[in-house]
Amino acid sequence: MPTTIRRPSPRLYANAVLTVIAGVLVLNWLATPSDLLGRANAQPADDIELVTDDPSGRISAAEQRKQMIQELRGLSARMERIESALTRGINVKVTDMPAMKQAADKPAK
C-alpha cells in the first residue's frame, strides 16, 4: 500500500496566518494606553494650555484672521523701511581687500 503525504490545504494556511495577525493586533491594542479614541499627532498635548475665549477649546477663525492681518501689516511696514533704505543708497567701506592678480600674471592658454 503506497503512503501518501497530506499537505495542508491553502485554506488552512491562510486561516492560521490570519489568526496570528489578529493575535498580534489584539496584543498591540492591549499595549496602547487606555485612551479609547486615541489622539492625533496634530492635537496639542494636555499639559499645554491654549488661550481661547471659548470654554470648549475651539479657536475663533475670525480671531486667527485678525492676527494674520496684523502680522501682514507689520511685515509690510518692515518691507517699506527696507525698500526706502535701498533707494536712498547704502554706503560701503572696505576695510580689508585681498591682493588682486594682474592680467599679465595669468598664464596663456
N, C-alpha and C. Protein backbone atom coordinates (compact mmCIF):
# COMPACT_ATOMS: atom_id res chain seq x y z
N MET A 1 0.83 -1.15 0.00
CA MET A 1 0.00 0.00 0.00
C MET A 1 0.89 1.24 0.00
N PRO A 2 0.72 2.12 -1.00
CA PRO A 2 1.55 3.32 -1.08
C PRO A 2 1.12 4.33 -0.02
N THR A 3 2.12 4.99 0.53
CA THR A 3 1.82 6.02 1.52
C THR A 3 1.74 7.37 0.84
N THR A 4 0.78 8.12 1.20
CA THR A 4 0.62 9.47 0.64
C THR A 4 0.81 10.49 1.76
N ILE A 5 1.47 11.54 1.39
CA ILE A 5 1.71 12.61 2.36
C ILE A 5 0.68 13.69 2.11
N ARG A 6 -0.08 13.98 3.15
CA ARG A 6 -1.09 15.03 3.02
C ARG A 6 -0.45 16.38 3.32
N ARG A 7 -0.55 17.26 2.38
CA ARG A 7 -0.07 18.62 2.60
C ARG A 7 -1.23 19.46 3.13
N PRO A 8 -0.92 20.41 4.00
CA PRO A 8 -2.02 21.25 4.50
C PRO A 8 -2.62 22.04 3.35
N SER A 9 -3.90 22.19 3.43
CA SER A 9 -4.59 22.91 2.35
C SER A 9 -4.26 24.40 2.44
N PRO A 10 -4.33 25.11 1.32
CA PRO A 10 -4.05 26.55 1.34
C PRO A 10 -5.02 27.30 2.25
N ARG A 11 -6.23 26.79 2.38
CA ARG A 11 -7.22 27.45 3.22
C ARG A 11 -6.80 27.37 4.69
N LEU A 12 -6.27 26.22 5.11
CA LEU A 12 -5.82 26.05 6.48
C LEU A 12 -4.64 26.99 6.77
N TYR A 13 -3.73 27.11 5.82
CA TYR A 13 -2.58 28.00 5.96
C TYR A 13 -3.05 29.45 6.08
N ALA A 14 -3.98 29.87 5.23
CA ALA A 14 -4.49 31.25 5.27
C ALA A 14 -5.18 31.52 6.60
N ASN A 15 -5.95 30.56 7.10
CA ASN A 15 -6.63 30.75 8.39
C ASN A 15 -5.62 30.89 9.53
N ALA A 16 -4.57 30.11 9.48
CA ALA A 16 -3.55 30.18 10.52
C ALA A 16 -2.84 31.53 10.49
N VAL A 17 -2.50 32.02 9.31
CA VAL A 17 -1.82 33.31 9.19
C VAL A 17 -2.74 34.44 9.65
N LEU A 18 -4.00 34.39 9.27
CA LEU A 18 -4.94 35.43 9.69
C LEU A 18 -5.15 35.41 11.21
N THR A 19 -5.14 34.22 11.81
CA THR A 19 -5.27 34.12 13.26
C THR A 19 -4.06 34.73 13.95
N VAL A 20 -2.88 34.48 13.44
CA VAL A 20 -1.67 35.07 14.02
C VAL A 20 -1.70 36.59 13.89
N ILE A 21 -2.11 37.10 12.74
CA ILE A 21 -2.20 38.55 12.53
C ILE A 21 -3.21 39.16 13.49
N ALA A 22 -4.36 38.50 13.66
CA ALA A 22 -5.37 39.01 14.59
C ALA A 22 -4.83 39.03 16.01
N GLY A 23 -4.07 38.00 16.37
CA GLY A 23 -3.49 37.97 17.71
C GLY A 23 -2.50 39.10 17.93
N VAL A 24 -1.67 39.38 16.93
CA VAL A 24 -0.71 40.48 17.04
C VAL A 24 -1.45 41.81 17.15
N LEU A 25 -2.52 41.99 16.41
CA LEU A 25 -3.29 43.23 16.50
C LEU A 25 -3.92 43.40 17.88
N VAL A 26 -4.42 42.32 18.45
CA VAL A 26 -5.01 42.39 19.79
C VAL A 26 -3.93 42.74 20.81
N LEU A 27 -2.76 42.15 20.70
CA LEU A 27 -1.67 42.48 21.62
C LEU A 27 -1.25 43.94 21.48
N ASN A 28 -1.21 44.43 20.26
CA ASN A 28 -0.87 45.83 20.02
C ASN A 28 -1.93 46.74 20.63
N TRP A 29 -3.18 46.37 20.49
CA TRP A 29 -4.28 47.17 21.04
C TRP A 29 -4.22 47.19 22.56
N LEU A 30 -3.89 46.06 23.16
CA LEU A 30 -3.79 45.99 24.61
C LEU A 30 -2.58 46.77 25.13
N ALA A 31 -1.54 46.88 24.35
CA ALA A 31 -0.32 47.56 24.78
C ALA A 31 -0.45 49.08 24.72
N THR A 32 -1.42 49.60 23.98
CA THR A 32 -1.59 51.05 23.87
C THR A 32 -2.26 51.58 25.12
N PRO A 33 -2.11 52.89 25.41
CA PRO A 33 -2.77 53.47 26.57
C PRO A 33 -4.29 53.28 26.47
N SER A 34 -4.94 53.46 27.60
CA SER A 34 -6.37 53.19 27.66
C SER A 34 -7.21 54.29 27.02
N ASP A 35 -6.59 55.22 26.34
CA ASP A 35 -7.33 56.27 25.64
C ASP A 35 -8.12 55.60 24.53
N LEU A 36 -9.43 55.59 24.66
CA LEU A 36 -10.28 54.80 23.78
C LEU A 36 -10.21 55.29 22.33
N LEU A 37 -10.28 56.60 22.13
CA LEU A 37 -10.29 57.13 20.77
C LEU A 37 -8.90 57.47 20.27
N GLY A 38 -7.95 57.61 21.15
CA GLY A 38 -6.61 57.98 20.74
C GLY A 38 -6.54 59.48 20.46
N ARG A 39 -5.35 59.92 20.18
CA ARG A 39 -5.17 61.33 19.90
C ARG A 39 -4.32 61.47 18.66
N ALA A 40 -4.74 62.34 17.77
CA ALA A 40 -3.97 62.59 16.56
C ALA A 40 -2.70 63.35 16.93
N ASN A 41 -1.67 63.21 16.11
CA ASN A 41 -0.41 63.89 16.38
C ASN A 41 -0.56 65.40 16.31
N ALA A 42 -1.54 65.87 15.55
CA ALA A 42 -1.71 67.30 15.39
C ALA A 42 -2.40 67.93 16.59
N GLN A 43 -3.03 67.15 17.43
CA GLN A 43 -3.71 67.71 18.59
C GLN A 43 -2.69 68.08 19.65
N PRO A 44 -2.93 69.18 20.35
CA PRO A 44 -1.97 69.60 21.38
C PRO A 44 -1.98 68.65 22.56
N ALA A 45 -0.87 68.60 23.25
CA ALA A 45 -0.77 67.78 24.45
C ALA A 45 -1.62 68.39 25.56
N ASP A 46 -1.96 67.59 26.55
CA ASP A 46 -2.82 68.06 27.63
C ASP A 46 -2.14 69.10 28.51
N ASP A 47 -0.81 69.04 28.62
CA ASP A 47 -0.12 69.96 29.51
C ASP A 47 0.08 71.34 28.92
N ILE A 48 -0.21 71.52 27.65
CA ILE A 48 -0.07 72.83 27.00
C ILE A 48 -1.43 73.51 27.05
N GLU A 49 -1.45 74.72 27.61
CA GLU A 49 -2.70 75.45 27.68
C GLU A 49 -2.80 76.40 26.50
N LEU A 50 -3.93 76.36 25.81
CA LEU A 50 -4.18 77.29 24.73
C LEU A 50 -5.05 78.43 25.27
N VAL A 51 -4.72 79.63 24.85
CA VAL A 51 -5.50 80.77 25.28
C VAL A 51 -6.67 80.92 24.32
N THR A 52 -7.85 80.61 24.80
CA THR A 52 -9.05 80.74 23.98
C THR A 52 -10.15 81.36 24.83
N ASP A 53 -11.04 82.04 24.18
CA ASP A 53 -12.19 82.61 24.88
C ASP A 53 -13.31 81.59 25.01
N ASP A 54 -13.28 80.60 24.17
CA ASP A 54 -14.32 79.59 24.14
C ASP A 54 -13.99 78.49 25.14
N PRO A 55 -14.88 78.20 26.09
CA PRO A 55 -14.57 77.16 27.07
C PRO A 55 -14.49 75.76 26.47
N SER A 56 -15.05 75.57 25.29
CA SER A 56 -14.99 74.25 24.66
C SER A 56 -13.64 74.00 24.00
N GLY A 57 -12.77 75.01 23.92
CA GLY A 57 -11.44 74.82 23.37
C GLY A 57 -11.33 75.14 21.89
N ARG A 58 -12.41 75.55 21.28
CA ARG A 58 -12.35 75.90 19.86
C ARG A 58 -11.67 77.25 19.68
N ILE A 59 -10.97 77.41 18.59
CA ILE A 59 -10.28 78.66 18.29
C ILE A 59 -11.11 79.41 17.27
N SER A 60 -11.27 80.69 17.51
CA SER A 60 -12.08 81.52 16.62
C SER A 60 -11.32 81.79 15.32
N ALA A 61 -11.96 81.46 14.20
CA ALA A 61 -11.34 81.70 12.90
C ALA A 61 -11.21 83.20 12.65
N ALA A 62 -12.17 83.98 13.11
CA ALA A 62 -12.09 85.42 12.92
C ALA A 62 -10.90 86.01 13.68
N GLU A 63 -10.67 85.50 14.89
CA GLU A 63 -9.52 85.98 15.67
C GLU A 63 -8.21 85.60 14.99
N GLN A 64 -8.16 84.40 14.43
CA GLN A 64 -6.96 84.00 13.69
C GLN A 64 -6.71 84.91 12.50
N ARG A 65 -7.77 85.24 11.78
CA ARG A 65 -7.63 86.13 10.62
C ARG A 65 -7.14 87.51 11.05
N LYS A 66 -7.66 88.01 12.17
CA LYS A 66 -7.22 89.32 12.66
C LYS A 66 -5.73 89.29 13.00
N GLN A 67 -5.28 88.23 13.63
CA GLN A 67 -3.86 88.12 13.96
C GLN A 67 -3.02 88.03 12.70
N MET A 68 -3.48 87.29 11.71
CA MET A 68 -2.72 87.17 10.45
C MET A 68 -2.65 88.50 9.74
N ILE A 69 -3.74 89.25 9.72
CA ILE A 69 -3.74 90.57 9.07
C ILE A 69 -2.79 91.51 9.80
N GLN A 70 -2.77 91.44 11.13
CA GLN A 70 -1.86 92.28 11.91
C GLN A 70 -0.41 91.93 11.59
N GLU A 71 -0.09 90.65 11.50
CA GLU A 71 1.27 90.23 11.15
C GLU A 71 1.64 90.69 9.74
N LEU A 72 0.71 90.58 8.80
CA LEU A 72 0.99 91.03 7.43
C LEU A 72 1.24 92.53 7.37
N ARG A 73 0.50 93.30 8.15
CA ARG A 73 0.73 94.75 8.19
C ARG A 73 2.12 95.06 8.75
N GLY A 74 2.51 94.33 9.78
CA GLY A 74 3.85 94.52 10.35
C GLY A 74 4.94 94.18 9.34
N LEU A 75 4.76 93.08 8.61
CA LEU A 75 5.73 92.70 7.58
C LEU A 75 5.78 93.72 6.46
N SER A 76 4.62 94.25 6.09
CA SER A 76 4.57 95.26 5.03
C SER A 76 5.33 96.52 5.45
N ALA A 77 5.17 96.93 6.71
CA ALA A 77 5.88 98.13 7.19
C ALA A 77 7.39 97.89 7.18
N ARG A 78 7.83 96.70 7.59
CA ARG A 78 9.26 96.38 7.57
C ARG A 78 9.80 96.40 6.14
N MET A 79 9.04 95.85 5.19
CA MET A 79 9.48 95.85 3.79
C MET A 79 9.59 97.26 3.25
N GLU A 80 8.66 98.13 3.62
CA GLU A 80 8.72 99.52 3.16
C GLU A 80 9.97 100.20 3.70
N ARG A 81 10.33 99.93 4.96
CA ARG A 81 11.55 100.53 5.52
C ARG A 81 12.79 100.02 4.80
N ILE A 82 12.81 98.74 4.47
CA ILE A 82 13.96 98.19 3.75
C ILE A 82 14.05 98.79 2.35
N GLU A 83 12.92 98.90 1.66
CA GLU A 83 12.92 99.49 0.31
C GLU A 83 13.39 100.94 0.34
N SER A 84 12.94 101.70 1.34
CA SER A 84 13.36 103.11 1.40
C SER A 84 14.85 103.21 1.69
N ALA A 85 15.38 102.32 2.51
CA ALA A 85 16.83 102.33 2.77
C ALA A 85 17.60 101.99 1.52
N LEU A 86 17.11 101.06 0.72
CA LEU A 86 17.80 100.68 -0.51
C LEU A 86 17.73 101.79 -1.56
N THR A 87 16.62 102.52 -1.64
CA THR A 87 16.52 103.59 -2.64
C THR A 87 17.40 104.77 -2.25
N ARG A 88 17.60 105.02 -0.93
CA ARG A 88 18.49 106.11 -0.50
C ARG A 88 19.92 105.76 -0.81
N GLY A 89 20.24 104.50 -0.83
CA GLY A 89 21.61 104.07 -1.10
C GLY A 89 22.28 103.63 0.18
N ILE A 90 23.23 102.75 0.02
CA ILE A 90 23.95 102.22 1.17
C ILE A 90 25.43 102.50 0.97
N ASN A 91 26.06 103.11 1.96
CA ASN A 91 27.49 103.38 1.89
C ASN A 91 28.25 102.17 2.41
N VAL A 92 29.23 101.73 1.63
CA VAL A 92 30.03 100.56 2.00
C VAL A 92 31.47 100.99 2.12
N LYS A 93 32.12 100.62 3.21
CA LYS A 93 33.53 100.94 3.42
C LYS A 93 34.28 99.62 3.50
N VAL A 94 35.23 99.45 2.59
CA VAL A 94 36.02 98.22 2.55
C VAL A 94 37.18 98.38 3.52
N THR A 95 37.27 97.47 4.46
CA THR A 95 38.34 97.56 5.45
C THR A 95 39.49 96.63 5.14
N ASP A 96 39.24 95.56 4.40
CA ASP A 96 40.30 94.61 4.07
C ASP A 96 40.03 94.09 2.66
N MET A 97 41.03 94.27 1.79
CA MET A 97 40.86 93.85 0.40
C MET A 97 41.98 92.86 0.06
N PRO A 98 41.64 91.68 -0.47
CA PRO A 98 42.68 90.73 -0.86
C PRO A 98 43.48 91.28 -2.04
N ALA A 99 44.71 90.80 -2.17
CA ALA A 99 45.57 91.26 -3.25
C ALA A 99 44.98 90.85 -4.60
N MET A 100 45.05 91.77 -5.58
CA MET A 100 44.49 91.49 -6.89
C MET A 100 45.60 90.97 -7.80
N LYS A 101 45.29 90.01 -8.61
CA LYS A 101 46.26 89.49 -9.58
C LYS A 101 46.17 90.36 -10.83
N GLN A 102 47.34 90.63 -11.42
CA GLN A 102 47.39 91.41 -12.64
C GLN A 102 47.09 90.50 -13.82
N ALA A 103 46.62 91.09 -14.91
CA ALA A 103 46.29 90.33 -16.12
C ALA A 103 47.54 89.68 -16.70
N ALA A 104 48.73 90.29 -16.55
CA ALA A 104 49.97 89.75 -17.08
C ALA A 104 50.41 88.49 -16.30
N ASP A 105 49.96 88.32 -15.08
CA ASP A 105 50.35 87.18 -14.27
C ASP A 105 49.66 85.89 -14.70
N LYS A 106 48.59 86.00 -15.46
CA LYS A 106 47.85 84.81 -15.86
C LYS A 106 48.60 84.08 -16.98
N PRO A 107 48.69 82.76 -16.90
CA PRO A 107 49.36 82.01 -17.98
C PRO A 107 48.49 81.97 -19.23
N ALA A 108 49.13 81.93 -20.38
CA ALA A 108 48.43 81.86 -21.66
C ALA A 108 47.86 80.46 -21.86
N LYS A 109 46.73 80.39 -22.50
CA LYS A 109 46.09 79.09 -22.74
C LYS A 109 46.58 78.45 -24.00
